[in-house]
Structure formats: C-alpha cells, structure tokens
Amino acid sequence: MEWNNDWIYQGLKFNPAPPFTFEIYGDKWYGFVYCITNRATAKKYIGKKFFWSKKTLQKTKTRKRRKITYVESDWKEYFGSNRVLNEEREVAGNDIYHREILHLCKTKGECAYYEAKEQFEREVLLTDEYYNGIISCKIGGQSIKGLKKDNG
C-alpha cells in the first residue's frame, strides 16, 4: 500500500480550493488541532497550527502608518514543533507519518482550548505513546464563549 502524508480531515484529504482564503467549507477558520502519527512506531503528537500569521509592514515614505496584513503559514508542509519527532523525520522521511486534522477552529482561543483538551483527554504526558513533553495553554473564557459544551 502506498502512503501519502497529506492532511486528512474527517477521512478525506484536506485540500481547500485555491485561492486559499479564511473560508473553508463555507466557514471562516483560524487554524486547526492535529494529530501526527508515526506509522512505524504508532507514536503520536498532538498540536495546533494556524492557517495565517500576521505580518506588519513598517512605515515608509508613502505609507505613514504601519499596515498589518496576513500571510498564509506553512501549514501544508508542517509536521509539528516537537524536536524528537522532527529529528526522527529527518532520518526516516515524511512518508511514514500520518497527519490528521482533529478540529478546525474559528479563533486562536479555540485552537488553544481544543489542543489542551485533546492532550489532557489522551493523557499525553503520562504515556510514552506520545511525543508531547509539555502541555502549555493560556485560554480566556471570552475566546471560547461560542463553543458548545460536550455532554459526555
């Protein structure tokens, strides 16, 4: 079987139609929470990635104010920020990794919330099954007010 390492969302290749904008599947999205799995070892990494990053254009002779623009991030080629995972990937290559989007998020706060939620629910710090070595989050209630409470 031939593997690829495209981002997968809900069982399908995640490939928004170009030109890529904030709108995907009819909604506006800020980023996503993902799981990267090493197919050879079954070891996983839970993280978050933003579709966009802010870029500040400085004042110039013709522009009297700084201008904030958004540029697309490297999300299409991204394989996580974990040092061990990336060292292994340099040796083994990208093809043994499965990249799955767990949650599409509308705000930065939603990304932080769902990343921490997945990490705590999976107990990533209590097992060697995950590359994660730290859970770091700072989430304000206002940034997640629109989320529905899980009844589970």
C-alpha atoms as a PDB file:
ATOM      1  CA  MET A   1       0.000   0.000   0.000  1.00  0.00           C
ATOM      2  CA  GLU A   2       1.330   3.431  -0.901  1.00  0.00           C
ATOM      3  CA  TRP A   3       1.079   6.039   1.860  1.00  0.00           C
ATOM      4  CA  ASN A   4       0.961   9.763   1.486  1.00  0.00           C
ATOM      5  CA  ASN A   5       1.293  12.386   4.150  1.00  0.00           C
ATOM      6  CA  ASP A   6      -1.409  14.869   3.152  1.00  0.00           C
ATOM      7  CA  TRP A   7      -3.502  16.424   5.897  1.00  0.00           C
ATOM      8  CA  ILE A   8      -6.616  14.281   6.446  1.00  0.00           C
ATOM      9  CA  TYR A   9      -9.845  15.710   7.845  1.00  0.00           C
ATOM     10  CA  GLN A  10     -12.892  13.526   8.543  1.00  0.00           C
ATOM     11  CA  GLY A  11     -11.377  10.706   6.483  1.00  0.00           C
ATOM     12  CA  LEU A  12     -10.726  12.809   3.375  1.00  0.00           C
ATOM     13  CA  LYS A  13      -7.725  14.671   2.011  1.00  0.00           C
ATOM     14  CA  PHE A  14      -7.909  18.254   3.279  1.00  0.00           C
ATOM     15  CA  ASN A  15      -7.441  20.348   0.191  1.00  0.00           C
ATOM     16  CA  PRO A  16      -9.266  23.686   0.200  1.00  0.00           C
ATOM     17  CA  ALA A  17      -9.822  25.057  -3.286  1.00  0.00           C
ATOM     18  CA  PRO A  18      -7.358  27.734  -4.351  1.00  0.00           C
ATOM     19  CA  PRO A  19      -7.095  30.592  -3.851  1.00  0.00           C
ATOM     20  CA  PHE A  20      -6.890  29.698  -0.188  1.00  0.00           C
ATOM     21  CA  THR A  21      -8.797  32.181   1.976  1.00  0.00           C
ATOM     22  CA  PHE A  22     -10.123  32.308   5.509  1.00  0.00           C
ATOM     23  CA  GLU A  23     -13.180  30.463   4.231  1.00  0.00           C
ATOM     24  CA  ILE A  24     -13.032  26.694   4.114  1.00  0.00           C
ATOM     25  CA  TYR A  25     -16.144  24.571   3.681  1.00  0.00           C
ATOM     26  CA  GLY A  26     -18.312  27.716   3.906  1.00  0.00           C
ATOM     27  CA  ASP A  27     -16.987  28.881   7.295  1.00  0.00           C
ATOM     28  CA  LYS A  28     -14.144  31.133   8.360  1.00  0.00           C
ATOM     29  CA  TRP A  29     -11.319  29.280  10.115  1.00  0.00           C
ATOM     30  CA  TYR A  30      -8.284  30.463  12.047  1.00  0.00           C
ATOM     31  CA  GLY A  31      -6.412  27.172  12.458  1.00  0.00           C
ATOM     32  CA  PHE A  32      -6.651  23.546  13.488  1.00  0.00           C
ATOM     33  CA  VAL A  33      -5.692  20.967  16.101  1.00  0.00           C
ATOM     34  CA  TYR A  34      -3.929  17.924  14.701  1.00  0.00           C
ATOM     35  CA  CYS A  35      -2.512  14.508  15.457  1.00  0.00           C
ATOM     36  CA  ILE A  36       0.631  13.302  13.691  1.00  0.00           C
ATOM     37  CA  THR A  37       1.236   9.555  13.913  1.00  0.00           C
ATOM     38  CA  ASN A  38       4.440   7.703  13.132  1.00  0.00           C
ATOM     39  CA  ARG A  39       3.089   4.670  11.241  1.00  0.00           C
ATOM     40  CA  ALA A  40       6.156   2.566  12.077  1.00  0.00           C
ATOM     41  CA  THR A  41       6.023   3.071  15.856  1.00  0.00           C
ATOM     42  CA  ALA A  42       2.416   4.302  16.394  1.00  0.00           C
ATOM     43  CA  LYS A  43       3.834   7.190  18.443  1.00  0.00           C
ATOM     44  CA  LYS A  44       1.744  10.370  18.166  1.00  0.00           C
ATOM     45  CA  TYR A  45       1.966  14.125  18.599  1.00  0.00           C
ATOM     46  CA  ILE A  46      -0.950  16.452  19.372  1.00  0.00           C
ATOM     47  CA  GLY A  47      -0.556  20.108  18.431  1.00  0.00           C
ATOM     48  CA  LYS A  48      -2.164  23.137  16.857  1.00  0.00           C
ATOM     49  CA  LYS A  49      -1.380  25.150  13.737  1.00  0.00           C
ATOM     50  CA  PHE A  50      -2.711  28.439  12.420  1.00  0.00           C
ATOM     51  CA  PHE A  51      -3.528  28.963   8.752  1.00  0.00           C
ATOM     52  CA  TRP A  52      -2.357  32.567   8.862  1.00  0.00           C
ATOM     53  CA  SER A  53       0.209  34.712  10.590  1.00  0.00           C
ATOM     54  CA  LYS A  54       0.263  38.476  10.961  1.00  0.00           C
ATOM     55  CA  LYS A  55       2.843  40.415   9.050  1.00  0.00           C
ATOM     56  CA  THR A  56       3.433  44.053   9.931  1.00  0.00           C
ATOM     57  CA  LEU A  57       4.563  46.307   7.115  1.00  0.00           C
ATOM     58  CA  GLN A  58       6.590  49.181   8.516  1.00  0.00           C
ATOM     59  CA  LYS A  59       6.097  52.867   7.797  1.00  0.00           C
ATOM     60  CA  THR A  60       7.564  54.105   4.543  1.00  0.00           C
ATOM     61  CA  LYS A  61       7.774  57.437   2.781  1.00  0.00           C
ATOM     62  CA  THR A  62       4.477  56.709   1.042  1.00  0.00           C
ATOM     63  CA  ARG A  63       2.812  54.782   3.916  1.00  0.00           C
ATOM     64  CA  LYS A  64       2.530  56.892   7.078  1.00  0.00           C
ATOM     65  CA  ARG A  65       1.174  54.098   9.282  1.00  0.00           C
ATOM     66  CA  ARG A  66       2.216  50.536   9.855  1.00  0.00           C
ATOM     67  CA  LYS A  67      -0.005  48.104   7.994  1.00  0.00           C
ATOM     68  CA  ILE A  68      -0.967  44.696   9.324  1.00  0.00           C
ATOM     69  CA  THR A  69      -1.519  42.022   6.713  1.00  0.00           C
ATOM     70  CA  TYR A  70      -1.979  38.278   6.909  1.00  0.00           C
ATOM     71  CA  VAL A  71       0.163  35.747   5.114  1.00  0.00           C
ATOM     72  CA  GLU A  72      -0.517  32.055   4.745  1.00  0.00           C
ATOM     73  CA  SER A  73       1.530  29.952   7.152  1.00  0.00           C
ATOM     74  CA  ASP A  74       3.495  26.827   6.252  1.00  0.00           C
ATOM     75  CA  TRP A  75       0.593  24.614   7.394  1.00  0.00           C
ATOM     76  CA  LYS A  76       0.610  22.483   4.231  1.00  0.00           C
ATOM     77  CA  GLU A  77       4.181  21.255   4.844  1.00  0.00           C
ATOM     78  CA  TYR A  78       4.064  21.388   8.667  1.00  0.00           C
ATOM     79  CA  PHE A  79       4.990  18.347  10.777  1.00  0.00           C
ATOM     80  CA  GLY A  80       4.843  19.725  14.303  1.00  0.00           C
ATOM     81  CA  SER A  81       7.243  21.559  16.560  1.00  0.00           C
ATOM     82  CA  ASN A  82       8.487  18.614  18.613  1.00  0.00           C
ATOM     83  CA  ARG A  83      12.265  18.282  18.392  1.00  0.00           C
ATOM     84  CA  VAL A  84      12.349  14.462  18.720  1.00  0.00           C
ATOM     85  CA  LEU A  85       9.641  13.963  16.093  1.00  0.00           C
ATOM     86  CA  ASN A  86      11.452  16.257  13.656  1.00  0.00           C
ATOM     87  CA  GLU A  87      14.815  14.546  14.257  1.00  0.00           C
ATOM     88  CA  GLU A  88      13.203  11.167  13.547  1.00  0.00           C
ATOM     89  CA  ARG A  89      11.502  12.599  10.463  1.00  0.00           C
ATOM     90  CA  GLU A  90      14.816  13.866   9.080  1.00  0.00           C
ATOM     91  CA  VAL A  91      16.176  10.323   9.213  1.00  0.00           C
ATOM     92  CA  ALA A  92      13.048   8.345   8.242  1.00  0.00           C
ATOM     93  CA  GLY A  93      11.458  10.827   5.827  1.00  0.00           C
ATOM     94  CA  ASN A  94       7.908  12.189   5.728  1.00  0.00           C
ATOM     95  CA  ASP A  95       6.175   9.172   4.224  1.00  0.00           C
ATOM     96  CA  ILE A  96       5.836   7.190   7.449  1.00  0.00           C
ATOM     97  CA  TYR A  97       3.785   9.945   9.096  1.00  0.00           C
ATOM     98  CA  HIS A  98       0.010  10.267   9.024  1.00  0.00           C
ATOM     99  CA  ARG A  99      -1.248  13.836   9.532  1.00  0.00           C
ATOM    100  CA  GLU A 100      -4.840  14.202  10.716  1.00  0.00           C
ATOM    101  CA  ILE A 101      -6.799  17.364  11.490  1.00  0.00           C
ATOM    102  CA  LEU A 102      -8.896  16.710  14.593  1.00  0.00           C
ATOM    103  CA  HIS A 103     -10.630  20.098  14.929  1.00  0.00           C
ATOM    104  CA  LEU A 104     -11.000  23.101  12.641  1.00  0.00           C
ATOM    105  CA  CYS A 105     -11.092  26.208  14.846  1.00  0.00           C
ATOM    106  CA  LYS A 106     -12.542  29.664  14.266  1.00  0.00           C
ATOM    107  CA  THR A 107     -10.337  31.520  16.780  1.00  0.00           C
ATOM    108  CA  LYS A 108      -6.888  31.339  18.319  1.00  0.00           C
ATOM    109  CA  GLY A 109      -8.586  30.627  21.667  1.00  0.00           C
ATOM    110  CA  GLU A 110     -10.497  27.668  20.207  1.00  0.00           C
ATOM    111  CA  CYS A 111      -7.220  26.238  18.896  1.00  0.00           C
ATOM    112  CA  ALA A 112      -5.632  26.535  22.339  1.00  0.00           C
ATOM    113  CA  TYR A 113      -8.691  25.047  24.063  1.00  0.00           C
ATOM    114  CA  TYR A 114      -9.050  22.023  21.784  1.00  0.00           C
ATOM    115  CA  GLU A 115      -5.307  21.340  21.763  1.00  0.00           C
ATOM    116  CA  ALA A 116      -5.197  21.259  25.589  1.00  0.00           C
ATOM    117  CA  LYS A 117      -8.452  19.264  25.740  1.00  0.00           C
ATOM    118  CA  GLU A 118      -7.070  16.594  23.385  1.00  0.00           C
ATOM    119  CA  GLN A 119      -3.771  16.475  25.264  1.00  0.00           C
ATOM    120  CA  PHE A 120      -5.398  16.082  28.686  1.00  0.00           C
ATOM    121  CA  GLU A 121      -8.025  13.570  27.499  1.00  0.00           C
ATOM    122  CA  ARG A 122      -5.334  11.445  25.845  1.00  0.00           C
ATOM    123  CA  GLU A 123      -3.047  11.820  28.885  1.00  0.00           C
ATOM    124  CA  VAL A 124      -0.121  12.600  26.589  1.00  0.00           C
ATOM    125  CA  LEU A 125       2.260  13.317  29.484  1.00  0.00           C
ATOM    126  CA  LEU A 126       1.537  10.031  31.266  1.00  0.00           C
ATOM    127  CA  THR A 127       2.479   7.664  28.464  1.00  0.00           C
ATOM    128  CA  ASP A 128       5.361   7.043  26.098  1.00  0.00           C
ATOM    129  CA  GLU A 129       2.846   6.725  23.242  1.00  0.00           C
ATOM    130  CA  TYR A 130       3.125  10.481  22.573  1.00  0.00           C
ATOM    131  CA  TYR A 131       5.966  12.782  21.631  1.00  0.00           C
ATOM    132  CA  ASN A 132       4.390  15.592  23.678  1.00  0.00           C
ATOM    133  CA  GLY A 133       6.556  16.571  26.630  1.00  0.00           C
ATOM    134  CA  ILE A 134       4.643  19.620  27.841  1.00  0.00           C
ATOM    135  CA  ILE A 135       1.115  20.985  27.883  1.00  0.00           C
ATOM    136  CA  SER A 136       1.124  24.743  27.748  1.00  0.00           C
ATOM    137  CA  CYS A 137      -2.017  26.807  27.499  1.00  0.00           C
ATOM    138  CA  LYS A 138      -3.433  30.168  28.382  1.00  0.00           C
ATOM    139  CA  ILE A 139      -7.099  30.381  27.463  1.00  0.00           C
ATOM    140  CA  GLY A 140      -9.522  33.177  28.280  1.00  0.00           C
ATOM    141  CA  GLY A 141     -13.199  32.379  28.685  1.00  0.00           C
ATOM    142  CA  GLN A 142     -14.208  35.103  26.247  1.00  0.00           C
ATOM    143  CA  SER A 143     -12.299  33.449  23.417  1.00  0.00           C
ATOM    144  CA  ILE A 144     -14.302  30.218  23.687  1.00  0.00           C
ATOM    145  CA  LYS A 145     -17.765  31.523  24.621  1.00  0.00           C
ATOM    146  CA  GLY A 146     -19.299  30.202  21.393  1.00  0.00           C
ATOM    147  CA  LEU A 147     -18.260  26.577  21.930  1.00  0.00           C
ATOM    148  CA  LYS A 148     -20.957  24.071  22.780  1.00  0.00           C
ATOM    149  CA  LYS A 149     -20.477  22.145  25.986  1.00  0.00           C
ATOM    150  CA  ASP A 150     -19.903  18.433  25.446  1.00  0.00           C
ATOM    151  CA  ASN A 151     -22.448  16.251  27.212  1.00  0.00           C
ATOM    152  CA  GLY A 152     -20.310  13.185  27.579  1.00  0.00           C
END
